[in-house]
Amino acid sequence: MTDDRTFKTFNASAFLANFAGMEDLAVASIAAFQKGLPELFREVDEAIRLRNADLLKRSSHTFKGVVSNFRSEPCRSLLESIERDATSSPDWVEIEQRMDRLRGDIRELSSELGQLAEQLAKGI
């Protein structure tokens, strides 16, 4: 991160613009995201396990919407590709590989969001 709140995995300025000075709400949004991650992954993983393209399309779309709130283009793009592939003939091996990449990207996003939440809580 640099002094201007530029992070690798998300656009902090665009995210914070949604809160117009309500940093406590931004911190709460980050906490809710981090708390909800296991369920978001569980739903996508279950769709993959069942090889259920309709469920995968819905769950990846939901997950994509959540990460879009944080302006995380890398995560949004991966989820968009999973959602798109679920509408055609899914390549389940490729989808599983994308999910592995997504897990790493989400870990990094969650860590960076935690850093931002700490800064906001300290008034930095």
N, C-alpha and C. Protein backbone atom coordinates (compact mmCIF):
# COMPACT_ATOMS: atom_id res chain seq x y z
N MET A 1 0.83 -1.18 0.00
CA MET A 1 0.00 0.00 0.00
C MET A 1 0.87 1.24 0.00
N THR A 2 0.40 2.28 -0.64
CA THR A 2 1.11 3.56 -0.62
C THR A 2 0.32 4.54 0.22
N ASP A 3 0.87 5.72 0.42
CA ASP A 3 0.22 6.72 1.26
C ASP A 3 -1.14 7.16 0.72
N ASP A 4 -1.38 7.02 -0.55
CA ASP A 4 -2.66 7.46 -1.11
C ASP A 4 -3.71 6.35 -1.10
N ARG A 5 -3.50 5.36 -0.24
CA ARG A 5 -4.44 4.25 -0.08
C ARG A 5 -4.64 3.48 -1.38
N THR A 6 -3.58 3.24 -2.09
CA THR A 6 -3.63 2.40 -3.27
C THR A 6 -3.24 0.99 -2.86
N PHE A 7 -4.15 0.06 -3.08
CA PHE A 7 -3.92 -1.33 -2.75
C PHE A 7 -3.84 -2.15 -4.03
N LYS A 8 -3.25 -3.30 -3.94
CA LYS A 8 -3.09 -4.17 -5.10
C LYS A 8 -4.43 -4.80 -5.53
N THR A 9 -5.27 -5.15 -4.56
CA THR A 9 -6.45 -5.96 -4.89
C THR A 9 -7.75 -5.18 -5.01
N PHE A 10 -7.76 -3.92 -4.62
CA PHE A 10 -9.01 -3.15 -4.72
C PHE A 10 -8.73 -1.67 -4.78
N ASN A 11 -9.73 -0.92 -5.22
CA ASN A 11 -9.63 0.53 -5.35
C ASN A 11 -10.24 1.16 -4.10
N ALA A 12 -9.38 1.51 -3.14
CA ALA A 12 -9.85 2.05 -1.87
C ALA A 12 -10.58 3.38 -2.04
N SER A 13 -10.10 4.22 -2.91
CA SER A 13 -10.75 5.53 -3.12
C SER A 13 -12.17 5.36 -3.62
N ALA A 14 -12.36 4.48 -4.60
CA ALA A 14 -13.71 4.25 -5.13
C ALA A 14 -14.61 3.62 -4.07
N PHE A 15 -14.06 2.68 -3.31
CA PHE A 15 -14.83 2.06 -2.24
C PHE A 15 -15.26 3.09 -1.21
N LEU A 16 -14.33 3.91 -0.76
CA LEU A 16 -14.63 4.89 0.29
C LEU A 16 -15.57 5.98 -0.20
N ALA A 17 -15.57 6.26 -1.50
CA ALA A 17 -16.48 7.27 -2.05
C ALA A 17 -17.93 6.89 -1.80
N ASN A 18 -18.21 5.60 -1.66
CA ASN A 18 -19.57 5.15 -1.38
C ASN A 18 -20.06 5.57 0.01
N PHE A 19 -19.13 5.93 0.89
CA PHE A 19 -19.49 6.17 2.29
C PHE A 19 -19.45 7.64 2.69
N ALA A 20 -19.00 8.50 1.81
CA ALA A 20 -19.05 9.96 2.01
C ALA A 20 -18.76 10.38 3.44
N GLY A 21 -17.60 9.98 3.96
CA GLY A 21 -17.21 10.40 5.29
C GLY A 21 -17.72 9.54 6.43
N MET A 22 -18.47 8.51 6.13
CA MET A 22 -18.98 7.61 7.17
C MET A 22 -18.04 6.42 7.31
N GLU A 23 -16.85 6.68 7.82
CA GLU A 23 -15.83 5.64 7.90
C GLU A 23 -16.26 4.46 8.75
N ASP A 24 -17.08 4.72 9.80
CA ASP A 24 -17.54 3.62 10.65
C ASP A 24 -18.39 2.64 9.85
N LEU A 25 -19.15 3.14 8.89
CA LEU A 25 -19.96 2.27 8.04
C LEU A 25 -19.06 1.49 7.08
N ALA A 26 -18.01 2.11 6.60
CA ALA A 26 -17.05 1.40 5.74
C ALA A 26 -16.39 0.27 6.51
N VAL A 27 -15.99 0.53 7.76
CA VAL A 27 -15.38 -0.50 8.60
C VAL A 27 -16.37 -1.63 8.85
N ALA A 28 -17.63 -1.30 9.10
CA ALA A 28 -18.65 -2.33 9.32
C ALA A 28 -18.88 -3.15 8.06
N SER A 29 -18.82 -2.51 6.90
CA SER A 29 -18.97 -3.21 5.63
C SER A 29 -17.84 -4.21 5.42
N ILE A 30 -16.63 -3.81 5.76
CA ILE A 30 -15.47 -4.70 5.65
C ILE A 30 -15.64 -5.89 6.58
N ALA A 31 -16.05 -5.62 7.82
CA ALA A 31 -16.23 -6.70 8.79
C ALA A 31 -17.31 -7.68 8.33
N ALA A 32 -18.40 -7.17 7.79
CA ALA A 32 -19.48 -8.04 7.30
C ALA A 32 -19.00 -8.90 6.14
N PHE A 33 -18.21 -8.30 5.26
CA PHE A 33 -17.64 -9.06 4.13
C PHE A 33 -16.77 -10.19 4.65
N GLN A 34 -15.86 -9.87 5.56
CA GLN A 34 -14.95 -10.89 6.07
C GLN A 34 -15.71 -12.00 6.80
N LYS A 35 -16.73 -11.64 7.53
CA LYS A 35 -17.54 -12.64 8.24
C LYS A 35 -18.32 -13.53 7.26
N GLY A 36 -18.77 -12.96 6.15
CA GLY A 36 -19.58 -13.70 5.18
C GLY A 36 -18.80 -14.53 4.18
N LEU A 37 -17.47 -14.37 4.14
CA LEU A 37 -16.67 -15.10 3.15
C LEU A 37 -16.86 -16.61 3.20
N PRO A 38 -16.84 -17.24 4.36
CA PRO A 38 -17.00 -18.71 4.36
C PRO A 38 -18.29 -19.17 3.68
N GLU A 39 -19.36 -18.45 3.89
CA GLU A 39 -20.63 -18.84 3.27
C GLU A 39 -20.60 -18.62 1.76
N LEU A 40 -20.00 -17.53 1.31
CA LEU A 40 -19.89 -17.28 -0.13
C LEU A 40 -19.09 -18.40 -0.80
N PHE A 41 -17.98 -18.78 -0.19
CA PHE A 41 -17.17 -19.87 -0.74
C PHE A 41 -17.93 -21.20 -0.67
N ARG A 42 -18.63 -21.43 0.44
CA ARG A 42 -19.35 -22.68 0.59
C ARG A 42 -20.37 -22.88 -0.53
N GLU A 43 -21.09 -21.82 -0.87
CA GLU A 43 -22.11 -21.92 -1.91
C GLU A 43 -21.50 -22.23 -3.28
N VAL A 44 -20.41 -21.56 -3.61
CA VAL A 44 -19.76 -21.81 -4.90
C VAL A 44 -19.14 -23.22 -4.90
N ASP A 45 -18.48 -23.57 -3.81
CA ASP A 45 -17.86 -24.89 -3.73
C ASP A 45 -18.89 -26.01 -3.84
N GLU A 46 -20.05 -25.81 -3.23
CA GLU A 46 -21.11 -26.82 -3.30
C GLU A 46 -21.61 -26.97 -4.74
N ALA A 47 -21.77 -25.87 -5.44
CA ALA A 47 -22.19 -25.92 -6.84
C ALA A 47 -21.18 -26.69 -7.67
N ILE A 48 -19.90 -26.45 -7.42
CA ILE A 48 -18.86 -27.15 -8.17
C ILE A 48 -18.88 -28.64 -7.81
N ARG A 49 -18.99 -28.94 -6.52
CA ARG A 49 -19.01 -30.33 -6.08
C ARG A 49 -20.16 -31.10 -6.73
N LEU A 50 -21.31 -30.46 -6.81
CA LEU A 50 -22.50 -31.08 -7.40
C LEU A 50 -22.51 -31.02 -8.92
N ARG A 51 -21.56 -30.27 -9.49
CA ARG A 51 -21.54 -30.02 -10.94
C ARG A 51 -22.88 -29.44 -11.40
N ASN A 52 -23.36 -28.48 -10.61
CA ASN A 52 -24.65 -27.85 -10.84
C ASN A 52 -24.40 -26.46 -11.44
N ALA A 53 -24.53 -26.36 -12.76
CA ALA A 53 -24.22 -25.11 -13.46
C ALA A 53 -25.16 -23.97 -13.05
N ASP A 54 -26.45 -24.26 -12.85
CA ASP A 54 -27.38 -23.20 -12.45
C ASP A 54 -27.02 -22.63 -11.08
N LEU A 55 -26.73 -23.51 -10.14
CA LEU A 55 -26.34 -23.07 -8.81
C LEU A 55 -25.01 -22.31 -8.87
N LEU A 56 -24.10 -22.77 -9.69
CA LEU A 56 -22.81 -22.08 -9.84
C LEU A 56 -23.01 -20.68 -10.41
N LYS A 57 -23.88 -20.57 -11.38
CA LYS A 57 -24.14 -19.26 -11.98
C LYS A 57 -24.69 -18.29 -10.92
N ARG A 58 -25.65 -18.75 -10.13
CA ARG A 58 -26.26 -17.89 -9.10
C ARG A 58 -25.26 -17.54 -7.99
N SER A 59 -24.54 -18.53 -7.50
CA SER A 59 -23.64 -18.29 -6.38
C SER A 59 -22.43 -17.45 -6.80
N SER A 60 -21.92 -17.67 -7.98
CA SER A 60 -20.78 -16.85 -8.43
C SER A 60 -21.25 -15.42 -8.73
N HIS A 61 -22.47 -15.28 -9.21
CA HIS A 61 -23.02 -13.94 -9.46
C HIS A 61 -23.15 -13.17 -8.14
N THR A 62 -23.65 -13.84 -7.12
CA THR A 62 -23.79 -13.20 -5.81
C THR A 62 -22.42 -12.79 -5.27
N PHE A 63 -21.47 -13.70 -5.35
CA PHE A 63 -20.11 -13.44 -4.86
C PHE A 63 -19.50 -12.28 -5.64
N LYS A 64 -19.72 -12.27 -6.95
CA LYS A 64 -19.20 -11.18 -7.80
C LYS A 64 -19.76 -9.84 -7.35
N GLY A 65 -21.05 -9.81 -7.04
CA GLY A 65 -21.66 -8.56 -6.57
C GLY A 65 -21.05 -8.07 -5.27
N VAL A 66 -20.77 -9.00 -4.38
CA VAL A 66 -20.16 -8.63 -3.10
C VAL A 66 -18.78 -8.03 -3.29
N VAL A 67 -17.93 -8.68 -4.07
CA VAL A 67 -16.57 -8.14 -4.26
C VAL A 67 -16.59 -6.86 -5.08
N SER A 68 -17.61 -6.68 -5.90
CA SER A 68 -17.72 -5.44 -6.67
C SER A 68 -17.91 -4.23 -5.76
N ASN A 69 -18.54 -4.45 -4.61
CA ASN A 69 -18.71 -3.35 -3.65
C ASN A 69 -17.38 -2.78 -3.20
N PHE A 70 -16.34 -3.60 -3.23
CA PHE A 70 -15.02 -3.17 -2.80
C PHE A 70 -14.14 -2.75 -3.97
N ARG A 71 -14.70 -2.73 -5.15
CA ARG A 71 -13.98 -2.35 -6.36
C ARG A 71 -12.74 -3.22 -6.55
N SER A 72 -12.93 -4.53 -6.33
CA SER A 72 -11.85 -5.49 -6.51
C SER A 72 -11.94 -6.11 -7.90
N GLU A 73 -11.28 -5.48 -8.84
CA GLU A 73 -11.36 -5.94 -10.23
C GLU A 73 -10.78 -7.35 -10.43
N PRO A 74 -9.66 -7.70 -9.82
CA PRO A 74 -9.15 -9.07 -10.02
C PRO A 74 -10.15 -10.15 -9.58
N CYS A 75 -10.75 -9.95 -8.42
CA CYS A 75 -11.72 -10.94 -7.92
C CYS A 75 -13.01 -10.90 -8.74
N ARG A 76 -13.46 -9.70 -9.06
CA ARG A 76 -14.69 -9.57 -9.85
C ARG A 76 -14.53 -10.25 -11.20
N SER A 77 -13.39 -10.05 -11.83
CA SER A 77 -13.14 -10.62 -13.14
C SER A 77 -13.11 -12.15 -13.11
N LEU A 78 -12.46 -12.71 -12.10
CA LEU A 78 -12.45 -14.17 -11.98
C LEU A 78 -13.86 -14.72 -11.78
N LEU A 79 -14.62 -14.08 -10.92
CA LEU A 79 -15.99 -14.55 -10.67
C LEU A 79 -16.87 -14.37 -11.89
N GLU A 80 -16.65 -13.30 -12.64
CA GLU A 80 -17.40 -13.10 -13.87
C GLU A 80 -17.11 -14.23 -14.86
N SER A 81 -15.86 -14.64 -14.95
CA SER A 81 -15.51 -15.73 -15.88
C SER A 81 -16.13 -17.05 -15.43
N ILE A 82 -16.19 -17.27 -14.13
CA ILE A 82 -16.83 -18.49 -13.62
C ILE A 82 -18.33 -18.45 -13.91
N GLU A 83 -18.95 -17.31 -13.66
CA GLU A 83 -20.37 -17.15 -13.93
C GLU A 83 -20.67 -17.35 -15.42
N ARG A 84 -19.86 -16.76 -16.26
CA ARG A 84 -20.04 -16.87 -17.71
C ARG A 84 -19.92 -18.33 -18.16
N ASP A 85 -18.89 -19.01 -17.66
CA ASP A 85 -18.68 -20.41 -18.05
C ASP A 85 -19.80 -21.31 -17.55
N ALA A 86 -20.43 -20.94 -16.45
CA ALA A 86 -21.54 -21.75 -15.94
C ALA A 86 -22.75 -21.68 -16.85
N THR A 87 -22.84 -20.65 -17.69
CA THR A 87 -23.99 -20.52 -18.58
C THR A 87 -23.82 -21.33 -19.86
N SER A 88 -22.59 -21.76 -20.13
CA SER A 88 -22.36 -22.60 -21.31
C SER A 88 -22.03 -24.00 -20.83
N SER A 89 -21.20 -24.69 -21.51
CA SER A 89 -20.77 -26.03 -21.08
C SER A 89 -19.58 -25.87 -20.15
N PRO A 90 -19.83 -25.96 -18.84
CA PRO A 90 -18.75 -25.69 -17.89
C PRO A 90 -17.57 -26.66 -18.02
N ASP A 91 -16.38 -26.10 -18.00
CA ASP A 91 -15.16 -26.89 -17.88
C ASP A 91 -14.84 -26.90 -16.39
N TRP A 92 -15.27 -27.94 -15.70
CA TRP A 92 -15.20 -27.98 -14.25
C TRP A 92 -13.77 -27.94 -13.73
N VAL A 93 -12.84 -28.52 -14.46
CA VAL A 93 -11.44 -28.48 -14.03
C VAL A 93 -10.93 -27.04 -14.08
N GLU A 94 -11.23 -26.35 -15.17
CA GLU A 94 -10.82 -24.94 -15.30
C GLU A 94 -11.49 -24.09 -14.23
N ILE A 95 -12.75 -24.34 -13.95
CA ILE A 95 -13.46 -23.58 -12.92
C ILE A 95 -12.82 -23.82 -11.56
N GLU A 96 -12.45 -25.05 -11.26
CA GLU A 96 -11.78 -25.35 -9.99
C GLU A 96 -10.44 -24.61 -9.91
N GLN A 97 -9.72 -24.53 -11.01
CA GLN A 97 -8.45 -23.80 -11.03
C GLN A 97 -8.67 -22.31 -10.79
N ARG A 98 -9.71 -21.77 -11.37
CA ARG A 98 -10.03 -20.36 -11.14
C ARG A 98 -10.39 -20.12 -9.67
N MET A 99 -11.12 -21.07 -9.10
CA MET A 99 -11.47 -20.94 -7.68
C MET A 99 -10.22 -20.96 -6.81
N ASP A 100 -9.24 -21.77 -7.16
CA ASP A 100 -7.98 -21.77 -6.41
C ASP A 100 -7.32 -20.39 -6.48
N ARG A 101 -7.31 -19.79 -7.68
CA ARG A 101 -6.75 -18.44 -7.83
C ARG A 101 -7.57 -17.43 -7.02
N LEU A 102 -8.88 -17.60 -7.08
CA LEU A 102 -9.76 -16.69 -6.36
C LEU A 102 -9.50 -16.75 -4.85
N ARG A 103 -9.29 -17.95 -4.33
CA ARG A 103 -9.01 -18.08 -2.89
C ARG A 103 -7.78 -17.25 -2.50
N GLY A 104 -6.73 -17.32 -3.29
CA GLY A 104 -5.54 -16.51 -3.02
C GLY A 104 -5.83 -15.02 -3.13
N ASP A 105 -6.56 -14.64 -4.17
CA ASP A 105 -6.89 -13.22 -4.36
C ASP A 105 -7.78 -12.71 -3.23
N ILE A 106 -8.72 -13.52 -2.78
CA ILE A 106 -9.61 -13.12 -1.70
C ILE A 106 -8.83 -13.02 -0.38
N ARG A 107 -7.90 -13.94 -0.15
CA ARG A 107 -7.07 -13.82 1.07
C ARG A 107 -6.34 -12.48 1.08
N GLU A 108 -5.77 -12.12 -0.07
CA GLU A 108 -5.05 -10.85 -0.17
C GLU A 108 -6.00 -9.67 -0.02
N LEU A 109 -7.16 -9.74 -0.68
CA LEU A 109 -8.15 -8.68 -0.56
C LEU A 109 -8.58 -8.51 0.89
N SER A 110 -8.87 -9.60 1.55
CA SER A 110 -9.31 -9.54 2.95
C SER A 110 -8.24 -8.92 3.83
N SER A 111 -6.99 -9.27 3.58
CA SER A 111 -5.88 -8.71 4.35
C SER A 111 -5.78 -7.20 4.11
N GLU A 112 -5.85 -6.79 2.86
CA GLU A 112 -5.76 -5.36 2.55
C GLU A 112 -6.96 -4.59 3.09
N LEU A 113 -8.14 -5.19 3.03
CA LEU A 113 -9.31 -4.54 3.62
C LEU A 113 -9.14 -4.39 5.12
N GLY A 114 -8.54 -5.39 5.74
CA GLY A 114 -8.25 -5.30 7.18
C GLY A 114 -7.31 -4.14 7.48
N GLN A 115 -6.31 -3.95 6.63
CA GLN A 115 -5.38 -2.83 6.81
C GLN A 115 -6.13 -1.50 6.70
N LEU A 116 -7.01 -1.41 5.71
CA LEU A 116 -7.78 -0.18 5.53
C LEU A 116 -8.69 0.05 6.73
N ALA A 117 -9.35 -1.00 7.22
CA ALA A 117 -10.23 -0.86 8.37
C ALA A 117 -9.46 -0.37 9.60
N GLU A 118 -8.25 -0.87 9.78
CA GLU A 118 -7.41 -0.41 10.89
C GLU A 118 -7.08 1.07 10.74
N GLN A 119 -6.73 1.47 9.53
CA GLN A 119 -6.42 2.88 9.29
C GLN A 119 -7.64 3.76 9.58
N LEU A 120 -8.79 3.32 9.09
CA LEU A 120 -10.00 4.12 9.30
C LEU A 120 -10.36 4.20 10.78
N ALA A 121 -10.20 3.10 11.49
CA ALA A 121 -10.52 3.09 12.92
C ALA A 121 -9.59 4.02 13.70
N LYS A 122 -8.35 4.18 13.21
CA LYS A 122 -7.38 5.05 13.87
C LYS A 122 -7.48 6.49 13.37
N GLY A 123 -8.35 6.71 12.37
CA GLY A 123 -8.51 8.05 11.83
C GLY A 123 -7.40 8.47 10.89
N ILE A 124 -6.72 7.49 10.32
CA ILE A 124 -5.61 7.78 9.39
C ILE A 124 -6.16 8.01 7.99
